[in-house]
Every structure is written in C-alpha cells, then in structure tokens.
Protein backbone atom coordinates (compact mmCIF):
# COMPACT_ATOMS: atom_id res chain seq x y z
CA MET A 1 20.24 0.22 -15.34
CA GLY A 2 22.54 -1.74 -13.00
CA THR A 3 23.48 -4.22 -15.71
CA GLU A 4 24.42 -1.38 -18.08
CA ILE A 5 26.64 0.19 -15.44
CA GLN A 6 28.16 -3.20 -14.68
CA GLN A 7 29.10 -3.65 -18.35
CA LEU A 8 30.93 -0.31 -18.23
CA ILE A 9 32.89 -1.34 -15.14
CA LEU A 10 33.42 -5.08 -15.70
CA ASP A 11 34.53 -6.64 -18.97
CA ASN A 12 33.41 -10.23 -19.55
CA THR A 13 35.75 -12.27 -21.74
CA GLU A 14 36.03 -15.97 -22.47
CA HIS A 15 38.89 -16.21 -19.96
CA GLY A 16 37.38 -14.24 -17.09
CA TYR A 17 36.44 -10.76 -15.93
CA SER A 18 38.56 -7.63 -15.98
CA THR A 19 38.27 -4.02 -14.93
CA THR A 20 40.30 -0.83 -14.94
CA ASP A 21 38.22 0.58 -12.09
CA PHE A 22 40.29 1.07 -8.94
CA TYR A 23 37.51 0.69 -6.38
CA THR A 24 35.83 -2.23 -8.13
CA THR A 25 39.17 -4.02 -7.97
CA ALA A 26 39.48 -3.20 -4.26
CA VAL A 27 35.94 -4.43 -3.61
CA LEU A 28 36.64 -7.75 -5.34
CA ILE A 29 39.91 -8.23 -3.45
CA SER A 30 38.17 -7.42 -0.15
CA GLN A 31 35.61 -10.11 -1.00
CA GLU A 32 38.48 -12.63 -1.37
CA PHE A 33 38.70 -12.77 -5.16
CA GLN A 34 42.23 -13.15 -6.49
CA VAL A 35 43.73 -10.94 -9.18
CA VAL A 36 45.09 -13.45 -11.71
CA ASP A 37 46.83 -10.93 -13.96
CA VAL A 38 47.49 -7.23 -14.34
CA SER A 39 47.97 -5.80 -17.82
CA ARG A 40 48.74 -2.33 -19.11
CA GLU A 41 46.82 -0.36 -21.70
CA GLY A 42 46.12 3.19 -22.74
CA HIS A 43 48.58 5.96 -23.46
CA GLN A 44 52.08 4.72 -22.62
CA GLY A 45 50.57 1.77 -20.74
CA LYS A 46 49.57 3.95 -17.80
CA VAL A 47 46.16 2.29 -17.32
CA LYS A 48 46.19 -0.98 -15.40
CA ARG A 49 43.61 -3.67 -16.15
CA PHE A 50 42.98 -6.17 -13.36
CA HIS A 51 41.91 -9.68 -14.37
CA PHE A 52 39.84 -12.10 -12.30
CA ASP A 53 38.74 -15.71 -12.81
CA LYS A 54 35.46 -16.31 -14.58
CA THR A 55 33.00 -17.11 -11.83
CA PRO A 56 29.38 -15.90 -11.53
CA ALA A 57 30.13 -14.67 -8.01
CA VAL A 58 32.24 -11.85 -9.47
CA GLN A 59 29.21 -10.44 -11.27
CA GLU A 60 27.06 -10.83 -8.16
CA VAL A 61 29.53 -8.91 -6.00
CA VAL A 62 29.89 -6.13 -8.57
CA MET A 63 26.10 -5.78 -8.87
CA SER A 64 25.75 -5.64 -5.07
CA TYR A 65 28.50 -2.99 -4.98
CA ILE A 66 26.84 -0.92 -7.72
CA ASN A 67 23.45 -1.12 -6.00
CA GLY A 68 24.82 -0.28 -2.55
CA LYS A 69 23.86 -3.68 -1.14
CA LEU A 70 27.33 -5.16 -0.64
CA GLU A 71 28.22 -6.16 2.89
CA GLY A 72 31.72 -6.74 4.13
CA ASN A 73 34.48 -5.82 6.50
CA ILE A 74 35.56 -2.19 6.14
CA ARG A 75 39.08 -3.00 7.32
CA ASP A 76 39.37 -5.63 4.55
CA PHE A 77 38.23 -3.01 2.03
CA ARG A 78 40.75 -0.47 3.30
CA ASN A 79 43.54 -3.07 3.14
CA ALA A 80 42.44 -3.98 -0.39
CA ILE A 81 42.71 -0.31 -1.41
CA GLU A 82 46.32 -0.32 -0.22
CA THR A 83 46.95 -3.53 -2.17
CA VAL A 84 45.54 -2.00 -5.37
CA LYS A 85 47.62 1.15 -4.84
CA ASP A 86 50.72 -1.03 -4.59
CA MET A 87 49.79 -2.81 -7.84
CA VAL A 88 49.07 0.46 -9.66
CA TYR A 89 52.23 2.27 -8.61
CA SER A 90 54.67 -0.64 -8.82
CA GLN A 91 56.74 -1.20 -11.96
C-alpha cells in the first residue's frame, strides 16, 4: 500500500521527482533536498509543482514519511514549511 500512496504523492520522471503536495515538499526540504525547479499547472496555473533531483534517497524519505518512520529535526521541518509557503505565495 505504501508504494501506491507514494506514486500518488511523488511523480517519477526521467529528469527527477516532483510533487504538488505541500507537506511532502516541506519534508524533503527539511531533509536537505534542494528544490531544483517550481512549475505551475492546473486552473490558471494556481497549482505549484516542486521538482527534485533524481536520487533514490528521495523515494526512501517519502516512504519513511508515509509510514510514519521519518526522523528529523522539528525546527527544520517548521522552517521548511515557511520556505514552501514563500514559494507557493510568491509570484
């Protein structure tokens, strides 16, 4: 079941991984992954898609997050949420 959920949250392309999920993006940033691009989609481009490099560690972190096994610094996660908010509401 976890893999099916992961496929709904994380898109796997030839260039990397991407997601439109706010908290998944914050989790990845808090785990020191870099957003390499932000694109717009959906009605009037209101949905932001966050792109990450293609590395197996991205999938591992997302699976740990989905399964409630991810460990990390809560302050880093909170700061990452603020970073994602800034990216969503800018432009």
